[in-house]
Amino acid sequence: MDSVSVNRFRDNLKAFVEEAISNHTPLKVTRRSGEAFVVMSADDWEREQETLYVLQNSSLMRQLAESAATHTQGSGYAPKDEEVDEITRL
């Protein structure tokens, strides 16, 4: 993660915000006192929150592990062509 001073961030606010949004890269902004904050797009932040929720939920992690195992074995659920068409809206 790149890091900039709060003064440089303030002087180039628009460019730094645009870069964080378009490149999906968070930016650490540091103050003289040593405190810092992170600038990132709202979409990226929401994705991070969803990921943390899944990782902290043992039931969802168990379902993911089971799904990965059945996929590897080739024994998982295989949707019919009509179901795939409905999902992909073809």
N, C-alpha and C. Protein backbone atom coordinates (compact mmCIF):
# COMPACT_ATOMS: atom_id res chain seq x y z
N MET A 1 0.85 -1.16 0.00
CA MET A 1 0.00 0.00 0.00
C MET A 1 0.90 1.23 0.00
N ASP A 2 0.64 2.14 -0.93
CA ASP A 2 1.39 3.39 -0.98
C ASP A 2 1.01 4.26 0.20
N SER A 3 1.93 5.14 0.58
CA SER A 3 1.71 6.03 1.71
C SER A 3 2.14 7.44 1.34
N VAL A 4 1.35 8.43 1.74
CA VAL A 4 1.69 9.84 1.50
C VAL A 4 1.40 10.64 2.76
N SER A 5 2.02 11.80 2.85
CA SER A 5 1.75 12.69 3.98
C SER A 5 0.40 13.36 3.79
N VAL A 6 -0.19 13.78 4.88
CA VAL A 6 -1.49 14.43 4.80
C VAL A 6 -1.39 15.74 4.00
N ASN A 7 -0.25 16.42 4.08
CA ASN A 7 -0.09 17.66 3.32
C ASN A 7 -0.05 17.39 1.82
N ARG A 8 0.68 16.36 1.42
CA ARG A 8 0.73 16.01 -0.01
C ARG A 8 -0.64 15.52 -0.48
N PHE A 9 -1.33 14.77 0.38
CA PHE A 9 -2.68 14.29 0.04
C PHE A 9 -3.62 15.48 -0.17
N ARG A 10 -3.57 16.43 0.74
CA ARG A 10 -4.44 17.61 0.64
C ARG A 10 -4.15 18.39 -0.64
N ASP A 11 -2.88 18.55 -0.97
CA ASP A 11 -2.50 19.32 -2.16
C ASP A 11 -2.90 18.63 -3.46
N ASN A 12 -3.03 17.30 -3.42
CA ASN A 12 -3.34 16.53 -4.63
C ASN A 12 -4.58 15.65 -4.42
N LEU A 13 -5.53 16.15 -3.67
CA LEU A 13 -6.70 15.37 -3.26
C LEU A 13 -7.40 14.70 -4.44
N LYS A 14 -7.73 15.49 -5.45
CA LYS A 14 -8.49 14.95 -6.57
C LYS A 14 -7.74 13.80 -7.26
N ALA A 15 -6.46 13.97 -7.50
CA ALA A 15 -5.67 12.94 -8.19
C ALA A 15 -5.57 11.67 -7.35
N PHE A 16 -5.35 11.81 -6.04
CA PHE A 16 -5.23 10.63 -5.18
C PHE A 16 -6.56 9.89 -5.07
N VAL A 17 -7.65 10.61 -4.96
CA VAL A 17 -8.97 9.97 -4.87
C VAL A 17 -9.28 9.26 -6.18
N GLU A 18 -9.01 9.91 -7.29
CA GLU A 18 -9.26 9.30 -8.60
C GLU A 18 -8.45 8.02 -8.77
N GLU A 19 -7.20 8.04 -8.33
CA GLU A 19 -6.34 6.86 -8.44
C GLU A 19 -6.87 5.72 -7.57
N ALA A 20 -7.29 6.04 -6.35
CA ALA A 20 -7.81 5.01 -5.45
C ALA A 20 -9.06 4.36 -6.04
N ILE A 21 -9.90 5.15 -6.66
CA ILE A 21 -11.15 4.62 -7.23
C ILE A 21 -10.89 3.85 -8.52
N SER A 22 -10.13 4.43 -9.43
CA SER A 22 -9.96 3.79 -10.74
C SER A 22 -9.03 2.58 -10.71
N ASN A 23 -8.01 2.59 -9.84
CA ASN A 23 -7.05 1.48 -9.78
C ASN A 23 -7.36 0.49 -8.67
N HIS A 24 -8.38 0.77 -7.89
CA HIS A 24 -8.76 -0.11 -6.77
C HIS A 24 -7.57 -0.35 -5.83
N THR A 25 -6.83 0.73 -5.57
CA THR A 25 -5.69 0.62 -4.67
C THR A 25 -5.89 1.57 -3.49
N PRO A 26 -5.86 1.03 -2.27
CA PRO A 26 -5.99 1.92 -1.11
C PRO A 26 -4.74 2.77 -0.93
N LEU A 27 -4.90 3.89 -0.28
CA LEU A 27 -3.79 4.81 -0.04
C LEU A 27 -3.74 5.14 1.44
N LYS A 28 -2.59 4.96 2.05
CA LYS A 28 -2.39 5.29 3.46
C LYS A 28 -1.92 6.73 3.56
N VAL A 29 -2.64 7.54 4.33
CA VAL A 29 -2.30 8.95 4.51
C VAL A 29 -1.84 9.12 5.96
N THR A 30 -0.62 9.63 6.14
CA THR A 30 -0.05 9.75 7.48
C THR A 30 0.03 11.20 7.92
N ARG A 31 -0.16 11.39 9.22
CA ARG A 31 -0.05 12.72 9.82
C ARG A 31 1.30 12.82 10.54
N ARG A 32 1.71 14.04 10.83
CA ARG A 32 2.99 14.24 11.53
C ARG A 32 3.02 13.52 12.87
N SER A 33 1.87 13.47 13.53
CA SER A 33 1.80 12.83 14.84
C SER A 33 1.95 11.31 14.76
N GLY A 34 1.97 10.78 13.53
CA GLY A 34 2.12 9.35 13.35
C GLY A 34 0.80 8.64 13.08
N GLU A 35 -0.31 9.30 13.36
CA GLU A 35 -1.61 8.69 13.07
C GLU A 35 -1.79 8.60 11.56
N ALA A 36 -2.61 7.68 11.14
CA ALA A 36 -2.83 7.49 9.71
C ALA A 36 -4.27 7.09 9.44
N PHE A 37 -4.69 7.28 8.20
CA PHE A 37 -5.99 6.80 7.75
C PHE A 37 -5.83 6.29 6.33
N VAL A 38 -6.82 5.53 5.90
CA VAL A 38 -6.75 4.90 4.58
C VAL A 38 -7.86 5.46 3.70
N VAL A 39 -7.53 5.75 2.45
CA VAL A 39 -8.50 6.21 1.46
C VAL A 39 -8.68 5.07 0.46
N MET A 40 -9.95 4.68 0.28
CA MET A 40 -10.25 3.64 -0.70
C MET A 40 -11.67 3.86 -1.22
N SER A 41 -11.99 3.27 -2.34
CA SER A 41 -13.32 3.44 -2.91
C SER A 41 -14.34 2.75 -2.02
N ALA A 42 -15.56 3.25 -2.03
CA ALA A 42 -16.64 2.65 -1.25
C ALA A 42 -16.91 1.22 -1.71
N ASP A 43 -16.85 0.97 -3.01
CA ASP A 43 -17.06 -0.39 -3.52
C ASP A 43 -16.01 -1.36 -2.98
N ASP A 44 -14.76 -0.92 -2.95
CA ASP A 44 -13.69 -1.77 -2.42
C ASP A 44 -13.90 -2.03 -0.93
N TRP A 45 -14.30 -1.01 -0.20
CA TRP A 45 -14.53 -1.15 1.24
C TRP A 45 -15.66 -2.15 1.50
N GLU A 46 -16.75 -2.06 0.72
CA GLU A 46 -17.87 -2.99 0.88
C GLU A 46 -17.44 -4.42 0.58
N ARG A 47 -16.62 -4.62 -0.45
CA ARG A 47 -16.11 -5.96 -0.77
C ARG A 47 -15.26 -6.50 0.38
N GLU A 48 -14.43 -5.63 0.95
CA GLU A 48 -13.61 -6.04 2.09
C GLU A 48 -14.48 -6.47 3.27
N GLN A 49 -15.54 -5.72 3.52
CA GLN A 49 -16.44 -6.06 4.63
C GLN A 49 -17.13 -7.40 4.39
N GLU A 50 -17.56 -7.63 3.15
CA GLU A 50 -18.19 -8.91 2.82
C GLU A 50 -17.21 -10.07 3.00
N THR A 51 -15.97 -9.87 2.57
CA THR A 51 -14.95 -10.90 2.72
C THR A 51 -14.70 -11.20 4.19
N LEU A 52 -14.59 -10.17 5.00
CA LEU A 52 -14.38 -10.37 6.43
C LEU A 52 -15.55 -11.12 7.06
N TYR A 53 -16.75 -10.80 6.64
CA TYR A 53 -17.93 -11.48 7.17
C TYR A 53 -17.86 -12.98 6.86
N VAL A 54 -17.54 -13.31 5.62
CA VAL A 54 -17.47 -14.73 5.23
C VAL A 54 -16.36 -15.43 6.01
N LEU A 55 -15.19 -14.80 6.10
CA LEU A 55 -14.07 -15.42 6.79
C LEU A 55 -14.34 -15.65 8.28
N GLN A 56 -15.17 -14.80 8.87
CA GLN A 56 -15.47 -14.92 10.30
C GLN A 56 -16.66 -15.84 10.56
N ASN A 57 -17.35 -16.27 9.52
CA ASN A 57 -18.54 -17.10 9.68
C ASN A 57 -18.15 -18.56 9.43
N SER A 58 -18.08 -19.34 10.50
CA SER A 58 -17.62 -20.72 10.38
C SER A 58 -18.54 -21.56 9.50
N SER A 59 -19.83 -21.30 9.52
CA SER A 59 -20.77 -22.06 8.70
C SER A 59 -20.50 -21.81 7.21
N LEU A 60 -20.30 -20.55 6.84
CA LEU A 60 -20.01 -20.24 5.43
C LEU A 60 -18.67 -20.81 5.00
N MET A 61 -17.68 -20.75 5.88
CA MET A 61 -16.37 -21.31 5.54
C MET A 61 -16.46 -22.81 5.35
N ARG A 62 -17.26 -23.49 6.17
CA ARG A 62 -17.45 -24.93 6.02
C ARG A 62 -18.12 -25.24 4.68
N GLN A 63 -19.13 -24.44 4.30
CA GLN A 63 -19.81 -24.64 3.02
C GLN A 63 -18.84 -24.44 1.85
N LEU A 64 -17.97 -23.43 1.96
CA LEU A 64 -16.99 -23.19 0.91
C LEU A 64 -16.01 -24.37 0.80
N ALA A 65 -15.57 -24.88 1.93
CA ALA A 65 -14.64 -26.01 1.92
C ALA A 65 -15.30 -27.25 1.31
N GLU A 66 -16.55 -27.49 1.67
CA GLU A 66 -17.27 -28.65 1.12
C GLU A 66 -17.46 -28.49 -0.39
N SER A 67 -17.79 -27.29 -0.80
CA SER A 67 -17.99 -27.03 -2.22
C SER A 67 -16.69 -27.22 -3.00
N ALA A 68 -15.60 -26.72 -2.46
CA ALA A 68 -14.30 -26.88 -3.12
C ALA A 68 -13.93 -28.36 -3.23
N ALA A 69 -14.22 -29.12 -2.18
CA ALA A 69 -13.90 -30.55 -2.19
C ALA A 69 -14.71 -31.30 -3.24
N THR A 70 -16.02 -31.03 -3.30
CA THR A 70 -16.84 -31.73 -4.29
C THR A 70 -16.49 -31.30 -5.71
N HIS A 71 -16.10 -30.04 -5.87
CA HIS A 71 -15.69 -29.58 -7.20
C HIS A 71 -14.42 -30.31 -7.64
N THR A 72 -13.47 -30.42 -6.73
CA THR A 72 -12.21 -31.09 -7.04
C THR A 72 -12.45 -32.56 -7.41
N GLN A 73 -13.39 -33.18 -6.71
CA GLN A 73 -13.70 -34.59 -6.95
C GLN A 73 -14.61 -34.77 -8.17
N GLY A 74 -15.19 -33.67 -8.64
CA GLY A 74 -16.11 -33.76 -9.76
C GLY A 74 -17.45 -34.33 -9.37
N SER A 75 -17.77 -34.30 -8.08
CA SER A 75 -19.01 -34.89 -7.60
C SER A 75 -20.03 -33.84 -7.14
N GLY A 76 -19.76 -32.60 -7.42
CA GLY A 76 -20.68 -31.54 -6.99
C GLY A 76 -21.90 -31.43 -7.88
N TYR A 77 -22.76 -30.52 -7.54
CA TYR A 77 -23.98 -30.29 -8.29
C TYR A 77 -23.65 -29.74 -9.67
N ALA A 78 -24.29 -30.29 -10.69
CA ALA A 78 -24.10 -29.82 -12.06
C ALA A 78 -25.45 -29.31 -12.57
N PRO A 79 -25.59 -28.02 -12.79
CA PRO A 79 -26.87 -27.49 -13.26
C PRO A 79 -27.20 -27.96 -14.67
N LYS A 80 -28.48 -28.05 -14.93
CA LYS A 80 -28.95 -28.41 -16.27
C LYS A 80 -28.76 -27.20 -17.18
N ASP A 81 -28.78 -27.45 -18.48
CA ASP A 81 -28.60 -26.36 -19.46
C ASP A 81 -29.63 -25.26 -19.25
N GLU A 82 -30.87 -25.62 -18.95
CA GLU A 82 -31.92 -24.62 -18.74
C GLU A 82 -31.60 -23.73 -17.54
N GLU A 83 -31.04 -24.33 -16.49
CA GLU A 83 -30.67 -23.55 -15.30
C GLU A 83 -29.53 -22.59 -15.61
N VAL A 84 -28.56 -23.07 -16.37
CA VAL A 84 -27.46 -22.20 -16.76
C VAL A 84 -27.96 -21.05 -17.62
N ASP A 85 -28.85 -21.35 -18.55
CA ASP A 85 -29.43 -20.30 -19.41
C ASP A 85 -30.17 -19.27 -18.57
N GLU A 86 -30.90 -19.75 -17.56
CA GLU A 86 -31.65 -18.82 -16.72
C GLU A 86 -30.71 -17.93 -15.91
N ILE A 87 -29.65 -18.51 -15.42
CA ILE A 87 -28.67 -17.74 -14.64
C ILE A 87 -27.97 -16.72 -15.52
N THR A 88 -27.57 -17.13 -16.70
CA THR A 88 -26.83 -16.22 -17.60
C THR A 88 -27.75 -15.41 -18.48
N ARG A 89 -29.05 -15.66 -18.42
CA ARG A 89 -30.10 -14.94 -19.17
C ARG A 89 -29.90 -15.04 -20.67
N LEU A 90 -29.57 -16.22 -21.14
CA LEU A 90 -29.41 -16.44 -22.59
C LEU A 90 -30.70 -16.91 -23.20
